[in-house]
Amino acid sequence: TEAISERLLKAIAARKKNTAFMVPSEKSPVISQIIYVRGIDDRFTISIDSSGSHLHKRGLKRHPGKAPLRETIAAAALLLAGYTGIEPMIDPMCGTGTFSLEAALMAKNIPPGWFREFAFMGWPSFRRTQWEYLKRQCEMQFTRPGSPLIFASDKDPNAGTRLKKSLMQHNLMDAVNVSKKNFFNFSPGELTDQTGLIAINPPYGRRMGNLEESEQFFLSICARLKQEYKGWKLILIAPSKLLEKKVPFKLKPYPLFHGGLVLKLMVGNIQ
């Protein structure tokens, strides 16, 4: 790897004379442009990173959380569940609000990279005025909900405060209603008279203390869903294959690798 880096940097320097280049290290400052070299059987592909930060970083969340779900995974789960942005969506253990924020972007028809910067914006070929024109054209397709149909809640009041601050900063309050509610103490009829989608990423593993507590809590969630949410679509993350088999309704499981754990992302209808 070091020999490849050395040769590549020398080649770039020979082309760009009087310009210093260096291999980044953990202690080096942020490098504005990353170059990737992939070698297979002595055939090499060189590419430059046009994104910068990972694409799951939308530029919406700056508040920390315990093992938050990646935005790209939440968006994929919403699409798998058939979320359209025009039906109610309940995020009853919202935490940092990943499901709610992704649903808000979909409900308002806002592209997921709208609030962030990209590496290509530092390229010599980048034209800011052209980019702004394209964004204005895109903005004409945004929608404005008449009233919020996304309901985010968490028993931790700090979680709701942080999420509400992010929503206000990015003009998304018209899509999301945030409240301090315990999932086990309210019914969906208190929020909406329609059925829709409920998305739950429950605490498990290290966030719950031990495996037994996680399992008991998960089974309590399933019982509550069966009692109160019949006819609703569901996104549910299970912390183990054993718990997947104990879900009292038929859901389609997808393998999910998150935070060093092997989980199940389950999608379907509550019967």
Protein backbone atom coordinates (compact mmCIF):
# COMPACT_ATOMS: atom_id res chain seq x y z
CA THR A 1 0.00 0.00 0.00
CA GLU A 2 2.76 2.45 0.89
CA ALA A 3 4.65 1.74 -2.36
CA ILE A 4 1.51 2.39 -4.40
CA SER A 5 0.86 5.64 -2.52
CA GLU A 6 4.45 6.77 -3.07
CA ARG A 7 4.32 6.16 -6.82
CA LEU A 8 0.93 7.79 -7.22
CA LEU A 9 1.96 10.93 -5.33
CA LYS A 10 5.17 11.20 -7.36
CA ALA A 11 3.19 10.92 -10.58
CA ILE A 12 0.77 13.63 -9.47
CA ALA A 13 3.63 15.87 -8.33
CA ALA A 14 5.40 15.43 -11.69
CA ARG A 15 2.23 16.61 -13.41
CA LYS A 16 1.57 19.39 -10.93
CA LYS A 17 5.01 20.90 -10.43
CA ASN A 18 5.77 23.08 -7.43
CA THR A 19 2.83 21.54 -5.51
CA ALA A 20 3.45 19.45 -2.38
CA PHE A 21 1.47 16.28 -1.77
CA MET A 22 1.42 13.98 1.22
CA VAL A 23 -0.11 10.72 2.40
CA PRO A 24 -2.72 11.51 5.12
CA SER A 25 -2.22 10.11 8.59
CA GLU A 26 -4.35 10.02 11.71
CA LYS A 27 -2.64 13.20 12.95
CA SER A 28 -2.80 15.11 9.68
CA PRO A 29 -5.45 17.80 9.13
CA VAL A 30 -8.55 17.07 7.09
CA ILE A 31 -7.67 16.33 3.47
CA SER A 32 -10.04 18.03 1.07
CA GLN A 33 -9.63 15.45 -1.69
CA ILE A 34 -9.27 11.67 -1.32
CA ILE A 35 -7.87 9.53 -4.13
CA TYR A 36 -8.67 5.80 -4.22
CA VAL A 37 -6.49 3.18 -5.91
CA ARG A 38 -7.89 -0.32 -6.35
CA GLY A 39 -5.62 -3.08 -7.63
CA ILE A 40 -6.72 -6.55 -8.77
CA ASP A 41 -4.36 -8.87 -10.65
CA ASP A 42 -2.02 -6.00 -11.54
CA ARG A 43 -4.81 -3.90 -13.04
CA PHE A 44 -5.36 -0.62 -11.23
CA THR A 45 -8.31 1.72 -11.12
CA ILE A 46 -7.77 5.28 -9.87
CA SER A 47 -10.74 7.35 -8.78
CA ILE A 48 -11.31 10.55 -6.87
CA ASP A 49 -13.94 10.91 -4.18
CA SER A 50 -16.68 13.33 -5.25
CA SER A 51 -18.74 13.01 -2.04
CA GLY A 52 -16.50 13.90 0.87
CA SER A 53 -18.31 12.81 4.03
CA HIS A 54 -20.13 9.50 3.86
CA LEU A 55 -23.46 9.79 2.07
CA HIS A 56 -25.45 8.73 5.13
CA LYS A 57 -24.49 12.08 6.62
CA ARG A 58 -27.32 14.36 5.48
CA GLY A 59 -26.21 17.53 7.25
CA LEU A 60 -29.30 17.39 9.46
CA LYS A 61 -28.10 15.83 12.69
CA ARG A 62 -25.40 17.25 14.88
CA HIS A 63 -26.79 15.80 18.10
CA PRO A 64 -25.26 12.55 19.43
CA GLY A 65 -27.12 9.39 20.34
CA LYS A 66 -26.51 5.84 21.53
CA ALA A 67 -25.98 3.58 18.49
CA PRO A 68 -28.10 5.70 16.12
CA LEU A 69 -29.33 4.01 12.96
CA ARG A 70 -27.61 5.15 9.76
CA GLU A 71 -29.77 7.44 7.66
CA THR A 72 -29.31 5.34 4.52
CA ILE A 73 -30.55 2.24 6.35
CA ALA A 74 -33.57 4.10 7.72
CA ALA A 75 -34.40 5.43 4.24
CA ALA A 76 -34.10 1.92 2.75
CA ALA A 77 -36.37 0.53 5.47
CA LEU A 78 -39.01 3.20 4.79
CA LEU A 79 -38.96 2.36 1.08
CA LEU A 80 -39.13 -1.39 1.77
CA ALA A 81 -42.20 -0.79 3.94
CA GLY A 82 -43.89 1.13 1.11
CA TYR A 83 -43.81 4.54 2.79
CA THR A 84 -45.05 7.23 0.39
CA GLY A 85 -44.88 10.35 2.54
CA ILE A 86 -48.62 10.98 2.45
CA GLU A 87 -49.73 8.56 5.18
CA PRO A 88 -49.17 8.81 8.95
CA MET A 89 -45.82 7.60 10.29
CA ILE A 90 -45.17 7.04 13.99
CA ASP A 91 -41.62 6.95 15.37
CA PRO A 92 -42.34 6.16 19.05
CA MET A 93 -38.77 5.54 20.22
CA CYS A 94 -37.25 8.23 18.06
CA GLY A 95 -33.91 8.69 19.85
CA THR A 96 -31.93 10.99 17.52
CA GLY A 97 -34.89 11.00 15.12
CA THR A 98 -33.36 9.20 12.14
CA PHE A 99 -36.62 7.63 10.95
CA SER A 100 -38.53 10.88 11.41
CA LEU A 101 -35.97 13.02 9.60
CA GLU A 102 -35.75 10.63 6.65
CA ALA A 103 -39.55 10.42 6.46
CA ALA A 104 -39.75 14.23 6.55
CA LEU A 105 -37.43 14.51 3.55
CA MET A 106 -39.59 12.03 1.66
CA ALA A 107 -42.84 13.72 2.70
CA LYS A 108 -41.56 17.09 1.47
CA ASN A 109 -39.85 15.63 -1.61
CA ILE A 110 -36.46 16.99 -0.52
CA PRO A 111 -33.36 15.20 -1.87
CA PRO A 112 -31.34 13.53 0.92
CA GLY A 113 -28.20 15.57 0.17
CA TRP A 114 -29.97 18.93 0.17
CA PHE A 115 -28.54 20.19 3.46
CA ARG A 116 -24.91 19.12 3.05
CA GLU A 117 -21.76 19.97 1.13
CA PHE A 118 -19.89 17.63 -1.23
CA ALA A 119 -16.21 17.24 -2.12
CA PHE A 120 -16.82 18.12 -5.77
CA MET A 121 -17.73 21.64 -4.66
CA GLY A 122 -14.00 22.22 -4.21
CA TRP A 123 -13.08 21.12 -7.72
CA PRO A 124 -11.88 23.75 -10.22
CA SER A 125 -14.68 22.71 -12.59
CA PHE A 126 -17.40 23.39 -10.02
CA ARG A 127 -19.70 26.31 -10.85
CA ARG A 128 -21.56 27.65 -7.82
CA THR A 129 -24.08 29.64 -9.86
CA GLN A 130 -24.99 26.59 -11.95
CA TRP A 131 -25.36 24.51 -8.79
CA GLU A 132 -27.64 27.10 -7.21
CA TYR A 133 -29.74 27.20 -10.39
CA LEU A 134 -30.18 23.42 -10.29
CA LYS A 135 -31.17 23.63 -6.63
CA ARG A 136 -33.78 26.30 -7.37
CA GLN A 137 -35.24 24.10 -10.10
CA CYS A 138 -35.34 21.19 -7.66
CA GLU A 139 -36.90 23.32 -4.93
CA MET A 140 -39.92 23.93 -7.16
CA GLN A 141 -40.79 20.25 -6.66
CA PHE A 142 -40.86 20.50 -2.85
CA THR A 143 -44.21 19.93 -1.15
CA ARG A 144 -45.59 21.53 2.00
CA PRO A 145 -47.79 19.30 4.19
CA GLY A 146 -50.96 20.91 5.44
CA SER A 147 -50.30 19.43 8.89
CA PRO A 148 -47.70 17.04 10.28
CA LEU A 149 -48.31 13.35 9.56
CA ILE A 150 -45.04 12.19 11.13
CA PHE A 151 -45.23 11.72 14.89
CA ALA A 152 -41.93 11.41 16.76
CA SER A 153 -41.81 10.75 20.46
CA ASP A 154 -39.47 9.49 23.15
CA LYS A 155 -39.78 9.15 26.88
CA ASP A 156 -36.47 11.01 27.16
CA PRO A 157 -37.35 14.73 26.97
CA ASN A 158 -33.81 15.61 25.84
CA ALA A 159 -34.22 13.46 22.73
CA GLY A 160 -37.31 15.39 21.69
CA THR A 161 -35.65 18.74 22.39
CA ARG A 162 -32.66 17.91 20.22
CA LEU A 163 -34.80 16.59 17.38
CA LYS A 164 -37.10 19.62 17.47
CA LYS A 165 -34.09 21.94 17.27
CA SER A 166 -32.85 20.17 14.14
CA LEU A 167 -36.32 20.30 12.56
CA MET A 168 -36.61 24.03 13.22
CA GLN A 169 -33.15 24.76 11.82
CA HIS A 170 -33.99 23.00 8.56
CA ASN A 171 -37.61 24.12 8.14
CA LEU A 172 -39.09 20.65 8.65
CA MET A 173 -41.47 21.39 11.52
CA ASP A 174 -44.44 21.38 9.15
CA ALA A 175 -43.84 17.66 8.54
CA VAL A 176 -43.03 16.34 12.02
CA ASN A 177 -44.80 16.63 15.37
CA VAL A 178 -42.48 15.96 18.34
CA SER A 179 -43.69 15.03 21.81
CA LYS A 180 -42.58 13.39 25.03
CA LYS A 181 -44.56 10.13 25.14
CA ASN A 182 -43.89 6.63 26.39
CA PHE A 183 -44.72 4.08 23.68
CA PHE A 184 -46.65 1.96 26.18
CA ASN A 185 -48.82 4.84 27.39
CA PHE A 186 -50.49 6.09 24.21
CA SER A 187 -52.52 4.72 21.31
CA PRO A 188 -52.26 5.71 17.63
CA GLY A 189 -55.85 6.98 17.72
CA GLU A 190 -54.65 9.85 19.89
CA LEU A 191 -52.47 11.06 17.01
CA THR A 192 -54.38 10.20 13.83
CA ASP A 193 -57.61 8.61 12.66
CA GLN A 194 -55.82 6.82 9.79
CA THR A 195 -53.63 3.75 9.69
CA GLY A 196 -50.12 4.16 8.43
CA LEU A 197 -46.57 3.06 9.27
CA ILE A 198 -44.88 2.60 12.63
CA ALA A 199 -41.08 2.32 12.75
CA ILE A 200 -39.29 1.01 15.85
CA ASN A 201 -35.59 0.64 16.52
CA PRO A 202 -35.82 -0.53 20.14
CA PRO A 203 -33.03 -0.40 22.72
CA TYR A 204 -31.14 -3.70 22.88
CA GLY A 205 -27.80 -5.18 23.93
CA ARG A 206 -25.52 -2.68 25.63
CA ARG A 207 -28.22 0.02 25.63
CA MET A 208 -30.47 -2.18 27.81
CA GLY A 209 -27.87 -3.58 30.19
CA ASN A 210 -28.16 -7.29 29.41
CA LEU A 211 -29.68 -9.72 26.90
CA GLU A 212 -32.53 -10.84 29.13
CA GLU A 213 -33.78 -7.28 29.64
CA SER A 214 -33.59 -6.68 25.88
CA GLU A 215 -35.66 -9.77 25.12
CA GLN A 216 -38.36 -8.94 27.68
CA PHE A 217 -38.61 -5.40 26.40
CA PHE A 218 -38.82 -6.58 22.79
CA LEU A 219 -41.65 -9.02 23.57
CA SER A 220 -43.52 -6.24 25.40
CA ILE A 221 -43.24 -4.08 22.27
CA CYS A 222 -44.69 -6.88 20.12
CA ALA A 223 -47.61 -7.34 22.52
CA ARG A 224 -48.37 -3.62 22.43
CA LEU A 225 -48.21 -3.54 18.64
CA LYS A 226 -50.61 -6.48 18.37
CA GLN A 227 -53.02 -4.81 20.76
CA GLU A 228 -53.03 -1.23 19.43
CA TYR A 229 -51.72 -1.20 15.83
CA LYS A 230 -53.71 -3.75 13.84
CA GLY A 231 -53.80 -2.81 10.16
CA TRP A 232 -50.62 -0.72 10.39
CA LYS A 233 -47.45 -1.32 8.40
CA LEU A 234 -44.42 -2.00 10.55
CA ILE A 235 -40.64 -1.59 10.52
CA LEU A 236 -39.11 -3.44 13.46
CA ILE A 237 -35.47 -4.14 14.25
CA ALA A 238 -34.84 -7.37 16.17
CA PRO A 239 -31.61 -7.83 18.12
CA SER A 240 -31.40 -11.61 17.59
CA LYS A 241 -32.65 -14.43 15.36
CA LEU A 242 -34.38 -15.96 18.37
CA LEU A 243 -36.53 -12.88 18.87
CA GLU A 244 -37.35 -12.76 15.16
CA LYS A 245 -39.15 -16.09 15.56
CA LYS A 246 -41.19 -14.78 18.50
CA VAL A 247 -42.80 -11.89 16.60
CA PRO A 248 -46.58 -12.59 16.61
CA PHE A 249 -47.18 -11.41 13.02
CA LYS A 250 -45.72 -12.29 9.66
CA LEU A 251 -42.86 -9.98 8.69
CA LYS A 252 -40.19 -10.25 6.03
CA PRO A 253 -36.70 -10.29 7.60
CA TYR A 254 -33.61 -8.69 6.11
CA PRO A 255 -30.10 -9.15 7.55
CA LEU A 256 -28.75 -5.95 9.06
CA PHE A 257 -25.21 -5.29 10.27
CA HIS A 258 -25.23 -2.32 12.61
CA GLY A 259 -22.85 -1.16 15.32
CA GLY A 260 -20.90 -4.42 15.23
CA LEU A 261 -24.08 -6.46 15.78
CA VAL A 262 -25.92 -8.80 13.43
CA LEU A 263 -29.59 -7.78 13.55
CA LYS A 264 -32.80 -8.38 11.64
CA LEU A 265 -34.67 -5.58 9.89
CA MET A 266 -38.27 -6.80 9.65
CA VAL A 267 -40.96 -5.26 7.47
CA GLY A 268 -44.62 -6.16 7.00
CA ASN A 269 -48.17 -5.66 8.24
CA ILE A 270 -49.59 -6.04 11.74
CA GLN A 271 -52.51 -8.46 11.61
